[in-house]
Amino acid sequence: NPINPELLSIHIPKTAGRTFREILKSQYGVNGVLSLDHYYLTKQNEQL
């Protein structure tokens, strides 16, 4: 059975999300956090 993603972190703009992202990386590793946003996905015509 798949176990990922374990955490889904919804970053509402201007709520300390960048700082929290660095904390997540400190706990799960740089390669353990997929950081994306809907602006990028829309620009690339991609889905999550």
ModelCIF file with pLDDT and N, C-alpha, C, O atoms, coordinates in Angstrom:
data_MODEL
#
_entry.id   MODEL 
#
_entity.id                         1 
_entity.type                       polymer 
_entity.pdbx_number_of_molecules   1 
#
_entity_poly.entity_id                      1 
_entity_poly.type                           'polypeptide(L)' 
_entity_poly.nstd_linkage                   no 
_entity_poly.nstd_monomer                   no 
_entity_poly.pdbx_seq_one_letter_code       NPINPELLSIHIPKTAGRTFREILKSQYGVNGVLSLDHYYLTKQNEQL 
_entity_poly.pdbx_seq_one_letter_code_can   NPINPELLSIHIPKTAGRTFREILKSQYGVNGVLSLDHYYLTKQNEQL 
_entity_poly.pdbx_strand_id                 A 
#
loop_
_entity_poly_seq.entity_id 
_entity_poly_seq.num 
_entity_poly_seq.mon_id 
_entity_poly_seq.hetero 
1 1  ASN n 
1 2  PRO n 
1 3  ILE n 
1 4  ASN n 
1 5  PRO n 
1 6  GLU n 
1 7  LEU n 
1 8  LEU n 
1 9  SER n 
1 10 ILE n 
1 11 HIS n 
1 12 ILE n 
1 13 PRO n 
1 14 LYS n 
1 15 THR n 
1 16 ALA n 
1 17 GLY n 
1 18 ARG n 
1 19 THR n 
1 20 PHE n 
1 21 ARG n 
1 22 GLU n 
1 23 ILE n 
1 24 LEU n 
1 25 LYS n 
1 26 SER n 
1 27 GLN n 
1 28 TYR n 
1 29 GLY n 
1 30 VAL n 
1 31 ASN n 
1 32 GLY n 
1 33 VAL n 
1 34 LEU n 
1 35 SER n 
1 36 LEU n 
1 37 ASP n 
1 38 HIS n 
1 39 TYR n 
1 40 TYR n 
1 41 LEU n 
1 42 THR n 
1 43 LYS n 
1 44 GLN n 
1 45 ASN n 
1 46 GLU n 
1 47 GLN n 
1 48 LEU n 
#
_struct_asym.id          A 
_struct_asym.entity_id   1 
#
loop_
_ma_qa_metric.id 
_ma_qa_metric.mode 
_ma_qa_metric.name 
_ma_qa_metric.software_group_id 
_ma_qa_metric.type 
1 global pLDDT . pLDDT 
2 local  pLDDT . pLDDT 
#
_ma_qa_metric_global.metric_id      1 
_ma_qa_metric_global.metric_value   91.81 
_ma_qa_metric_global.model_id       1 
_ma_qa_metric_global.ordinal_id     1 
#
loop_
_ma_qa_metric_local.label_asym_id 
_ma_qa_metric_local.label_comp_id 
_ma_qa_metric_local.label_seq_id 
_ma_qa_metric_local.metric_id 
_ma_qa_metric_local.metric_value 
_ma_qa_metric_local.model_id 
_ma_qa_metric_local.ordinal_id 
A ASN 1  2 52.00 1 1  
A PRO 2  2 67.00 1 2  
A ILE 3  2 83.00 1 3  
A ASN 4  2 90.00 1 4  
A PRO 5  2 95.00 1 5  
A GLU 6  2 96.00 1 6  
A LEU 7  2 97.00 1 7  
A LEU 8  2 98.00 1 8  
A SER 9  2 98.00 1 9  
A ILE 10 2 98.00 1 10 
A HIS 11 2 98.00 1 11 
A ILE 12 2 97.00 1 12 
A PRO 13 2 95.00 1 13 
A LYS 14 2 95.00 1 14 
A THR 15 2 95.00 1 15 
A ALA 16 2 91.00 1 16 
A GLY 17 2 89.00 1 17 
A ARG 18 2 90.00 1 18 
A THR 19 2 91.00 1 19 
A PHE 20 2 95.00 1 20 
A ARG 21 2 95.00 1 21 
A GLU 22 2 93.00 1 22 
A ILE 23 2 93.00 1 23 
A LEU 24 2 95.00 1 24 
A LYS 25 2 94.00 1 25 
A SER 26 2 92.00 1 26 
A GLN 27 2 94.00 1 27 
A TYR 28 2 95.00 1 28 
A GLY 29 2 94.00 1 29 
A VAL 30 2 94.00 1 30 
A ASN 31 2 95.00 1 31 
A GLY 32 2 96.00 1 32 
A VAL 33 2 97.00 1 33 
A LEU 34 2 96.00 1 34 
A SER 35 2 96.00 1 35 
A LEU 36 2 94.00 1 36 
A ASP 37 2 91.00 1 37 
A HIS 38 2 89.00 1 38 
A TYR 39 2 85.00 1 39 
A TYR 40 2 89.00 1 40 
A LEU 41 2 92.00 1 41 
A THR 42 2 90.00 1 42 
A LYS 43 2 87.00 1 43 
A GLN 44 2 90.00 1 44 
A ASN 45 2 92.00 1 45 
A GLU 46 2 93.00 1 46 
A GLN 47 2 92.00 1 47 
A LEU 48 2 94.00 1 48 
#
loop_
_atom_site.group_PDB 
_atom_site.id 
_atom_site.type_symbol 
_atom_site.label_atom_id 
_atom_site.label_alt_id 
_atom_site.label_comp_id 
_atom_site.label_asym_id 
_atom_site.label_entity_id 
_atom_site.label_seq_id 
_atom_site.pdbx_PDB_ins_code 
_atom_site.Cartn_x 
_atom_site.Cartn_y 
_atom_site.Cartn_z 
_atom_site.occupancy 
_atom_site.B_iso_or_equiv 
_atom_site.pdbx_formal_charge 
_atom_site.auth_seq_id 
_atom_site.auth_comp_id 
_atom_site.auth_asym_id 
_atom_site.auth_atom_id 
_atom_site.pdbx_PDB_model_num 
ATOM 1   N N  . ASN A 1 1  ? 0.830  -1.191 0.000   1.00 52.00 ? 1  ASN A N  1 
ATOM 2   C CA . ASN A 1 1  ? 0.000  0.000  0.000   1.00 52.00 ? 1  ASN A CA 1 
ATOM 3   C C  . ASN A 1 1  ? 0.871  1.250  0.000   1.00 52.00 ? 1  ASN A C  1 
ATOM 4   O O  . ASN A 1 1  ? 1.867  1.301  0.721   1.00 52.00 ? 1  ASN A O  1 
ATOM 5   N N  . PRO A 1 2  ? 0.518  2.258  -0.792  1.00 67.00 ? 2  PRO A N  1 
ATOM 6   C CA . PRO A 1 2  ? 1.308  3.488  -0.800  1.00 67.00 ? 2  PRO A CA 1 
ATOM 7   C C  . PRO A 1 2  ? 1.185  4.212  0.536   1.00 67.00 ? 2  PRO A C  1 
ATOM 8   O O  . PRO A 1 2  ? 0.153  4.129  1.201   1.00 67.00 ? 2  PRO A O  1 
ATOM 9   N N  . ILE A 1 3  ? 2.243  4.922  0.925   1.00 83.00 ? 3  ILE A N  1 
ATOM 10  C CA . ILE A 1 3  ? 2.214  5.683  2.171   1.00 83.00 ? 3  ILE A CA 1 
ATOM 11  C C  . ILE A 1 3  ? 2.395  7.179  1.926   1.00 83.00 ? 3  ILE A C  1 
ATOM 12  O O  . ILE A 1 3  ? 2.183  7.991  2.827   1.00 83.00 ? 3  ILE A O  1 
ATOM 13  N N  . ASN A 1 4  ? 2.784  7.539  0.711   1.00 90.00 ? 4  ASN A N  1 
ATOM 14  C CA . ASN A 1 4  ? 2.983  8.950  0.384   1.00 90.00 ? 4  ASN A CA 1 
ATOM 15  C C  . ASN A 1 4  ? 1.892  9.447  -0.559  1.00 90.00 ? 4  ASN A C  1 
ATOM 16  O O  . ASN A 1 4  ? 1.397  8.693  -1.397  1.00 90.00 ? 4  ASN A O  1 
ATOM 17  N N  . PRO A 1 5  ? 1.522  10.716 -0.420  1.00 95.00 ? 5  PRO A N  1 
ATOM 18  C CA . PRO A 1 5  ? 2.063  11.702 0.510   1.00 95.00 ? 5  PRO A CA 1 
ATOM 19  C C  . PRO A 1 5  ? 1.489  11.557 1.925   1.00 95.00 ? 5  PRO A C  1 
ATOM 20  O O  . PRO A 1 5  ? 0.304  11.283 2.116   1.00 95.00 ? 5  PRO A O  1 
ATOM 21  N N  . GLU A 1 6  ? 2.369  11.751 2.898   1.00 96.00 ? 6  GLU A N  1 
ATOM 22  C CA . GLU A 1 6  ? 1.953  11.690 4.297   1.00 96.00 ? 6  GLU A CA 1 
ATOM 23  C C  . GLU A 1 6  ? 1.311  12.998 4.741   1.00 96.00 ? 6  GLU A C  1 
ATOM 24  O O  . GLU A 1 6  ? 0.271  13.006 5.399   1.00 96.00 ? 6  GLU A O  1 
ATOM 25  N N  . LEU A 1 7  ? 1.959  14.111 4.364   1.00 97.00 ? 7  LEU A N  1 
ATOM 26  C CA . LEU A 1 7  ? 1.472  15.438 4.745   1.00 97.00 ? 7  LEU A CA 1 
ATOM 27  C C  . LEU A 1 7  ? 1.122  16.257 3.512   1.00 97.00 ? 7  LEU A C  1 
ATOM 28  O O  . LEU A 1 7  ? 1.859  16.260 2.526   1.00 97.00 ? 7  LEU A O  1 
ATOM 29  N N  . LEU A 1 8  ? 0.002  16.945 3.576   1.00 98.00 ? 8  LEU A N  1 
ATOM 30  C CA . LEU A 1 8  ? -0.418 17.877 2.526   1.00 98.00 ? 8  LEU A CA 1 
ATOM 31  C C  . LEU A 1 8  ? -0.519 19.252 3.168   1.00 98.00 ? 8  LEU A C  1 
ATOM 32  O O  . LEU A 1 8  ? -1.440 19.538 3.933   1.00 98.00 ? 8  LEU A O  1 
ATOM 33  N N  . SER A 1 9  ? 0.437  20.082 2.841   1.00 98.00 ? 9  SER A N  1 
ATOM 34  C CA . SER A 1 9  ? 0.555  21.403 3.467   1.00 98.00 ? 9  SER A CA 1 
ATOM 35  C C  . SER A 1 9  ? 0.004  22.476 2.542   1.00 98.00 ? 9  SER A C  1 
ATOM 36  O O  . SER A 1 9  ? 0.603  22.793 1.514   1.00 98.00 ? 9  SER A O  1 
ATOM 37  N N  . ILE A 1 10 ? -1.141 23.029 2.917   1.00 98.00 ? 10 ILE A N  1 
ATOM 38  C CA . ILE A 1 10 ? -1.829 24.048 2.122   1.00 98.00 ? 10 ILE A CA 1 
ATOM 39  C C  . ILE A 1 10 ? -1.294 25.421 2.521   1.00 98.00 ? 10 ILE A C  1 
ATOM 40  O O  . ILE A 1 10 ? -1.598 25.927 3.601   1.00 98.00 ? 10 ILE A O  1 
ATOM 41  N N  . HIS A 1 11 ? -0.499 26.013 1.644   1.00 98.00 ? 11 HIS A N  1 
ATOM 42  C CA . HIS A 1 11 ? 0.130  27.299 1.939   1.00 98.00 ? 11 HIS A CA 1 
ATOM 43  C C  . HIS A 1 11 ? -0.753 28.441 1.428   1.00 98.00 ? 11 HIS A C  1 
ATOM 44  O O  . HIS A 1 11 ? -0.742 28.764 0.240   1.00 98.00 ? 11 HIS A O  1 
ATOM 45  N N  . ILE A 1 12 ? -1.497 29.029 2.318   1.00 97.00 ? 12 ILE A N  1 
ATOM 46  C CA . ILE A 1 12 ? -2.289 30.217 1.990   1.00 97.00 ? 12 ILE A CA 1 
ATOM 47  C C  . ILE A 1 12 ? -1.332 31.400 1.893   1.00 97.00 ? 12 ILE A C  1 
ATOM 48  O O  . ILE A 1 12 ? -0.494 31.566 2.779   1.00 97.00 ? 12 ILE A O  1 
ATOM 49  N N  . PRO A 1 13 ? -1.420 32.229 0.855   1.00 95.00 ? 13 PRO A N  1 
ATOM 50  C CA . PRO A 1 13 ? -0.464 33.328 0.684   1.00 95.00 ? 13 PRO A CA 1 
ATOM 51  C C  . PRO A 1 13 ? -0.361 34.225 1.906   1.00 95.00 ? 13 PRO A C  1 
ATOM 52  O O  . PRO A 1 13 ? -1.360 34.572 2.535   1.00 95.00 ? 13 PRO A O  1 
ATOM 53  N N  . LYS A 1 14 ? 0.879  34.590 2.225   1.00 95.00 ? 14 LYS A N  1 
ATOM 54  C CA . LYS A 1 14 ? 1.227  35.514 3.309   1.00 95.00 ? 14 LYS A CA 1 
ATOM 55  C C  . LYS A 1 14 ? 0.865  34.965 4.684   1.00 95.00 ? 14 LYS A C  1 
ATOM 56  O O  . LYS A 1 14 ? 0.341  35.682 5.536   1.00 95.00 ? 14 LYS A O  1 
ATOM 57  N N  . THR A 1 15 ? 1.155  33.676 4.887   1.00 95.00 ? 15 THR A N  1 
ATOM 58  C CA . THR A 1 15 ? 0.935  33.067 6.196   1.00 95.00 ? 15 THR A CA 1 
ATOM 59  C C  . THR A 1 15 ? 2.168  32.277 6.651   1.00 95.00 ? 15 THR A C  1 
ATOM 60  O O  . THR A 1 15 ? 2.037  31.203 7.239   1.00 95.00 ? 15 THR A O  1 
ATOM 61  N N  . ALA A 1 16 ? 3.344  32.801 6.382   1.00 91.00 ? 16 ALA A N  1 
ATOM 62  C CA . ALA A 1 16 ? 4.610  32.195 6.815   1.00 91.00 ? 16 ALA A CA 1 
ATOM 63  C C  . ALA A 1 16 ? 4.915  30.873 6.126   1.00 91.00 ? 16 ALA A C  1 
ATOM 64  O O  . ALA A 1 16 ? 5.629  30.037 6.681   1.00 91.00 ? 16 ALA A O  1 
ATOM 65  N N  . GLY A 1 17 ? 4.392  30.676 4.944   1.00 89.00 ? 17 GLY A N  1 
ATOM 66  C CA . GLY A 1 17 ? 4.581  29.413 4.246   1.00 89.00 ? 17 GLY A CA 1 
ATOM 67  C C  . GLY A 1 17 ? 6.012  29.129 3.829   1.00 89.00 ? 17 GLY A C  1 
ATOM 68  O O  . GLY A 1 17 ? 6.431  27.972 3.837   1.00 89.00 ? 17 GLY A O  1 
ATOM 69  N N  . ARG A 1 18 ? 6.769  30.147 3.469   1.00 90.00 ? 18 ARG A N  1 
ATOM 70  C CA . ARG A 1 18 ? 8.166  29.920 3.068   1.00 90.00 ? 18 ARG A CA 1 
ATOM 71  C C  . ARG A 1 18 ? 8.986  29.420 4.246   1.00 90.00 ? 18 ARG A C  1 
ATOM 72  O O  . ARG A 1 18 ? 9.786  28.493 4.118   1.00 90.00 ? 18 ARG A O  1 
ATOM 73  N N  . THR A 1 19 ? 8.776  30.043 5.381   1.00 91.00 ? 19 THR A N  1 
ATOM 74  C CA . THR A 1 19 ? 9.485  29.606 6.583   1.00 91.00 ? 19 THR A CA 1 
ATOM 75  C C  . THR A 1 19 ? 9.098  28.181 6.942   1.00 91.00 ? 19 THR A C  1 
ATOM 76  O O  . THR A 1 19 ? 9.950  27.371 7.307   1.00 91.00 ? 19 THR A O  1 
ATOM 77  N N  . PHE A 1 20 ? 7.812  27.879 6.838   1.00 95.00 ? 20 PHE A N  1 
ATOM 78  C CA . PHE A 1 20 ? 7.354  26.534 7.171   1.00 95.00 ? 20 PHE A CA 1 
ATOM 79  C C  . PHE A 1 20 ? 7.918  25.504 6.198   1.00 95.00 ? 20 PHE A C  1 
ATOM 80  O O  . PHE A 1 20 ? 8.214  24.375 6.589   1.00 95.00 ? 20 PHE A O  1 
ATOM 81  N N  . ARG A 1 21 ? 8.064  25.888 4.940   1.00 95.00 ? 21 ARG A N  1 
ATOM 82  C CA . ARG A 1 21 ? 8.648  24.976 3.947   1.00 95.00 ? 21 ARG A CA 1 
ATOM 83  C C  . ARG A 1 21 ? 10.066 24.581 4.348   1.00 95.00 ? 21 ARG A C  1 
ATOM 84  O O  . ARG A 1 21 ? 10.445 23.418 4.212   1.00 95.00 ? 21 ARG A O  1 
ATOM 85  N N  . GLU A 1 22 ? 10.853 25.538 4.841   1.00 93.00 ? 22 GLU A N  1 
ATOM 86  C CA . GLU A 1 22 ? 12.212 25.224 5.258   1.00 93.00 ? 22 GLU A CA 1 
ATOM 87  C C  . GLU A 1 22 ? 12.216 24.299 6.471   1.00 93.00 ? 22 GLU A C  1 
ATOM 88  O O  . GLU A 1 22 ? 13.091 23.445 6.607   1.00 93.00 ? 22 GLU A O  1 
ATOM 89  N N  . ILE A 1 23 ? 11.242 24.474 7.341   1.00 93.00 ? 23 ILE A N  1 
ATOM 90  C CA . ILE A 1 23 ? 11.134 23.584 8.496   1.00 93.00 ? 23 ILE A CA 1 
ATOM 91  C C  . ILE A 1 23 ? 10.770 22.180 8.039   1.00 93.00 ? 23 ILE A C  1 
ATOM 92  O O  . ILE A 1 23 ? 11.311 21.202 8.555   1.00 93.00 ? 23 ILE A O  1 
ATOM 93  N N  . LEU A 1 24 ? 9.867  22.070 7.085   1.00 95.00 ? 24 LEU A N  1 
ATOM 94  C CA . LEU A 1 24 ? 9.519  20.762 6.534   1.00 95.00 ? 24 LEU A CA 1 
ATOM 95  C C  . LEU A 1 24 ? 10.743 20.082 5.929   1.00 95.00 ? 24 LEU A C  1 
ATOM 96  O O  . LEU A 1 24 ? 10.952 18.883 6.116   1.00 95.00 ? 24 LEU A O  1 
ATOM 97  N N  . LYS A 1 25 ? 11.540 20.846 5.211   1.00 94.00 ? 25 LYS A N  1 
ATOM 98  C CA . LYS A 1 25 ? 12.753 20.277 4.607   1.00 94.00 ? 25 LYS A CA 1 
ATOM 99  C C  . LYS A 1 25 ? 13.745 19.824 5.669   1.00 94.00 ? 25 LYS A C  1 
ATOM 100 O O  . LYS A 1 25 ? 14.465 18.844 5.478   1.00 94.00 ? 25 LYS A O  1 
ATOM 101 N N  . SER A 1 26 ? 13.780 20.544 6.794   1.00 92.00 ? 26 SER A N  1 
ATOM 102 C CA . SER A 1 26 ? 14.699 20.154 7.869   1.00 92.00 ? 26 SER A CA 1 
ATOM 103 C C  . SER A 1 26 ? 14.285 18.830 8.497   1.00 92.00 ? 26 SER A C  1 
ATOM 104 O O  . SER A 1 26 ? 15.115 18.133 9.080   1.00 92.00 ? 26 SER A O  1 
ATOM 105 N N  . GLN A 1 27 ? 13.012 18.482 8.383   1.00 94.00 ? 27 GLN A N  1 
ATOM 106 C CA . GLN A 1 27 ? 12.506 17.260 8.992   1.00 94.00 ? 27 GLN A CA 1 
ATOM 107 C C  . GLN A 1 27 ? 12.438 16.091 8.007   1.00 94.00 ? 27 GLN A C  1 
ATOM 108 O O  . GLN A 1 27 ? 12.677 14.946 8.391   1.00 94.00 ? 27 GLN A O  1 
ATOM 109 N N  . TYR A 1 28 ? 12.118 16.367 6.755   1.00 95.00 ? 28 TYR A N  1 
ATOM 110 C CA . TYR A 1 28 ? 11.911 15.305 5.767   1.00 95.00 ? 28 TYR A CA 1 
ATOM 111 C C  . TYR A 1 28 ? 12.982 15.279 4.689   1.00 95.00 ? 28 TYR A C  1 
ATOM 112 O O  . TYR A 1 28 ? 12.973 14.406 3.822   1.00 95.00 ? 28 TYR A O  1 
ATOM 113 N N  . GLY A 1 29 ? 13.907 16.233 4.741   1.00 94.00 ? 29 GLY A N  1 
ATOM 114 C CA . GLY A 1 29 ? 14.960 16.302 3.743   1.00 94.00 ? 29 GLY A CA 1 
ATOM 115 C C  . GLY A 1 29 ? 14.533 17.129 2.538   1.00 94.00 ? 29 GLY A C  1 
ATOM 116 O O  . GLY A 1 29 ? 13.347 17.238 2.228   1.00 94.00 ? 29 GLY A O  1 
ATOM 117 N N  . VAL A 1 30 ? 15.515 17.704 1.869   1.00 94.00 ? 30 VAL A N  1 
ATOM 118 C CA . VAL A 1 30 ? 15.233 18.539 0.701   1.00 94.00 ? 30 VAL A CA 1 
ATOM 119 C C  . VAL A 1 30 ? 14.485 17.745 -0.368  1.00 94.00 ? 30 VAL A C  1 
ATOM 120 O O  . VAL A 1 30 ? 13.617 18.280 -1.058  1.00 94.00 ? 30 VAL A O  1 
ATOM 121 N N  . ASN A 1 31 ? 14.829 16.471 -0.495  1.00 95.00 ? 31 ASN A N  1 
ATOM 122 C CA . ASN A 1 31 ? 14.201 15.633 -1.513  1.00 95.00 ? 31 ASN A CA 1 
ATOM 123 C C  . ASN A 1 31 ? 12.916 14.971 -1.020  1.00 95.00 ? 31 ASN A C  1 
ATOM 124 O O  . ASN A 1 31 ? 12.307 14.171 -1.730  1.00 95.00 ? 31 ASN A O  1 
ATOM 125 N N  . GLY A 1 32 ? 12.519 15.311 0.188   1.00 96.00 ? 32 GLY A N  1 
ATOM 126 C CA . GLY A 1 32 ? 11.298 14.728 0.734   1.00 96.00 ? 32 GLY A CA 1 
ATOM 127 C C  . GLY A 1 32 ? 10.096 15.643 0.634   1.00 96.00 ? 32 GLY A C  1 
ATOM 128 O O  . GLY A 1 32 ? 8.987  15.260 1.008   1.00 96.00 ? 32 GLY A O  1 
ATOM 129 N N  . VAL A 1 33 ? 10.312 16.870 0.124   1.00 97.00 ? 33 VAL A N  1 
ATOM 130 C CA . VAL A 1 33 ? 9.240  17.863 0.034   1.00 97.00 ? 33 VAL A CA 1 
ATOM 131 C C  . VAL A 1 33 ? 9.051  18.285 -1.421  1.00 97.00 ? 33 VAL A C  1 
ATOM 132 O O  . VAL A 1 33 ? 9.963  18.829 -2.045  1.00 97.00 ? 33 VAL A O  1 
ATOM 133 N N  . LEU A 1 34 ? 7.879  18.031 -1.942  1.00 96.00 ? 34 LEU A N  1 
ATOM 134 C CA . LEU A 1 34 ? 7.526  18.502 -3.289  1.00 96.00 ? 34 LEU A CA 1 
ATOM 135 C C  . LEU A 1 34 ? 6.832  19.847 -3.137  1.00 96.00 ? 34 LEU A C  1 
ATOM 136 O O  . LEU A 1 34 ? 5.735  19.935 -2.585  1.00 96.00 ? 34 LEU A O  1 
ATOM 137 N N  . SER A 1 35 ? 7.478  20.885 -3.630  1.00 96.00 ? 35 SER A N  1 
ATOM 138 C CA . SER A 1 35 ? 6.959  22.240 -3.492  1.00 96.00 ? 35 SER A CA 1 
ATOM 139 C C  . SER A 1 35 ? 6.456  22.733 -4.846  1.00 96.00 ? 35 SER A C  1 
ATOM 140 O O  . SER A 1 35 ? 7.236  22.923 -5.780  1.00 96.00 ? 35 SER A O  1 
ATOM 141 N N  . LEU A 1 36 ? 5.149  22.937 -4.937  1.00 94.00 ? 36 LEU A N  1 
ATOM 142 C CA . LEU A 1 36 ? 4.517  23.400 -6.174  1.00 94.00 ? 36 LEU A CA 1 
ATOM 143 C C  . LEU A 1 36 ? 3.443  24.419 -5.832  1.00 94.00 ? 36 LEU A C  1 
ATOM 144 O O  . LEU A 1 36 ? 3.054  24.567 -4.674  1.00 94.00 ? 36 LEU A O  1 
ATOM 145 N N  . ASP A 1 37 ? 2.973  25.113 -6.847  1.00 91.00 ? 37 ASP A N  1 
ATOM 146 C CA . ASP A 1 37 ? 1.831  25.999 -6.634  1.00 91.00 ? 37 ASP A CA 1 
ATOM 147 C C  . ASP A 1 37 ? 0.949  26.023 -7.877  1.00 91.00 ? 37 ASP A C  1 
ATOM 148 O O  . ASP A 1 37 ? 1.372  25.659 -8.974  1.00 91.00 ? 37 ASP A O  1 
ATOM 149 N N  . HIS A 1 38 ? -0.269 26.457 -7.671  1.00 89.00 ? 38 HIS A N  1 
ATOM 150 C CA . HIS A 1 38 ? -1.235 26.404 -8.778  1.00 89.00 ? 38 HIS A CA 1 
ATOM 151 C C  . HIS A 1 38 ? -0.888 27.388 -9.886  1.00 89.00 ? 38 HIS A C  1 
ATOM 152 O O  . HIS A 1 38 ? -1.298 27.186 -11.029 1.00 89.00 ? 38 HIS A O  1 
ATOM 153 N N  . TYR A 1 39 ? -0.138 28.454 -9.578  1.00 85.00 ? 39 TYR A N  1 
ATOM 154 C CA . TYR A 1 39 ? 0.276  29.397 -10.619 1.00 85.00 ? 39 TYR A CA 1 
ATOM 155 C C  . TYR A 1 39 ? 1.200  28.689 -11.612 1.00 85.00 ? 39 TYR A C  1 
ATOM 156 O O  . TYR A 1 39 ? 1.025  28.789 -12.827 1.00 85.00 ? 39 TYR A O  1 
ATOM 157 N N  . TYR A 1 40 ? 2.184  27.976 -11.070 1.00 89.00 ? 40 TYR A N  1 
ATOM 158 C CA . TYR A 1 40 ? 3.129  27.249 -11.918 1.00 89.00 ? 40 TYR A CA 1 
ATOM 159 C C  . TYR A 1 40 ? 2.405  26.187 -12.736 1.00 89.00 ? 40 TYR A C  1 
ATOM 160 O O  . TYR A 1 40 ? 2.640  26.065 -13.938 1.00 89.00 ? 40 TYR A O  1 
ATOM 161 N N  . LEU A 1 41 ? 1.530  25.422 -12.097 1.00 92.00 ? 41 LEU A N  1 
ATOM 162 C CA . LEU A 1 41 ? 0.828  24.354 -12.801 1.00 92.00 ? 41 LEU A CA 1 
ATOM 163 C C  . LEU A 1 41 ? -0.023 24.904 -13.939 1.00 92.00 ? 41 LEU A C  1 
ATOM 164 O O  . LEU A 1 41 ? -0.081 24.324 -15.023 1.00 92.00 ? 41 LEU A O  1 
ATOM 165 N N  . THR A 1 42 ? -0.678 26.024 -13.679 1.00 90.00 ? 42 THR A N  1 
ATOM 166 C CA . THR A 1 42 ? -1.503 26.639 -14.720 1.00 90.00 ? 42 THR A CA 1 
ATOM 167 C C  . THR A 1 42 ? -0.643 27.114 -15.885 1.00 90.00 ? 42 THR A C  1 
ATOM 168 O O  . THR A 1 42 ? -0.989 26.911 -17.049 1.00 90.00 ? 42 THR A O  1 
ATOM 169 N N  . LYS A 1 43 ? 0.489  27.753 -15.556 1.00 87.00 ? 43 LYS A N  1 
ATOM 170 C CA . LYS A 1 43 ? 1.385  28.267 -16.596 1.00 87.00 ? 43 LYS A CA 1 
ATOM 171 C C  . LYS A 1 43 ? 1.932  27.134 -17.458 1.00 87.00 ? 43 LYS A C  1 
ATOM 172 O O  . LYS A 1 43 ? 2.102  27.291 -18.667 1.00 87.00 ? 43 LYS A O  1 
ATOM 173 N N  . GLN A 1 44 ? 2.208  25.984 -16.826 1.00 90.00 ? 44 GLN A N  1 
ATOM 174 C CA . GLN A 1 44 ? 2.763  24.838 -17.553 1.00 90.00 ? 44 GLN A CA 1 
ATOM 175 C C  . GLN A 1 44 ? 1.675  23.944 -18.154 1.00 90.00 ? 44 GLN A C  1 
ATOM 176 O O  . GLN A 1 44 ? 1.970  22.946 -18.812 1.00 90.00 ? 44 GLN A O  1 
ATOM 177 N N  . ASN A 1 45 ? 0.417  24.318 -17.918 1.00 92.00 ? 45 ASN A N  1 
ATOM 178 C CA . ASN A 1 45 ? -0.714 23.502 -18.383 1.00 92.00 ? 45 ASN A CA 1 
ATOM 179 C C  . ASN A 1 45 ? -0.604 22.075 -17.833 1.00 92.00 ? 45 ASN A C  1 
ATOM 180 O O  . ASN A 1 45 ? -0.785 21.096 -18.558 1.00 92.00 ? 45 ASN A O  1 
ATOM 181 N N  . GLU A 1 46 ? -0.307 21.987 -16.544 1.00 93.00 ? 46 GLU A N  1 
ATOM 182 C CA . GLU A 1 46 ? -0.142 20.698 -15.888 1.00 93.00 ? 46 GLU A CA 1 
ATOM 183 C C  . GLU A 1 46 ? -1.159 20.526 -14.774 1.00 93.00 ? 46 GLU A C  1 
ATOM 184 O O  . GLU A 1 46 ? -1.784 21.484 -14.320 1.00 93.00 ? 46 GLU A O  1 
ATOM 185 N N  . GLN A 1 47 ? -1.307 19.280 -14.347 1.00 92.00 ? 47 GLN A N  1 
ATOM 186 C CA . GLN A 1 47 ? -2.104 18.942 -13.178 1.00 92.00 ? 47 GLN A CA 1 
ATOM 187 C C  . GLN A 1 47 ? -1.156 18.462 -12.086 1.00 92.00 ? 47 GLN A C  1 
ATOM 188 O O  . GLN A 1 47 ? -0.061 17.980 -12.379 1.00 92.00 ? 47 GLN A O  1 
ATOM 189 N N  . LEU A 1 48 ? -1.564 18.588 -10.849 1.00 94.00 ? 48 LEU A N  1 
ATOM 190 C CA . LEU A 1 48 ? -0.727 18.109 -9.755  1.00 94.00 ? 48 LEU A CA 1 
ATOM 191 C C  . LEU A 1 48 ? -0.442 16.623 -9.913  1.00 94.00 ? 48 LEU A C  1 
ATOM 192 O O  . LEU A 1 48 ? 0.252  16.036 -9.083  1.00 94.00 ? 48 LEU A O  1 
#
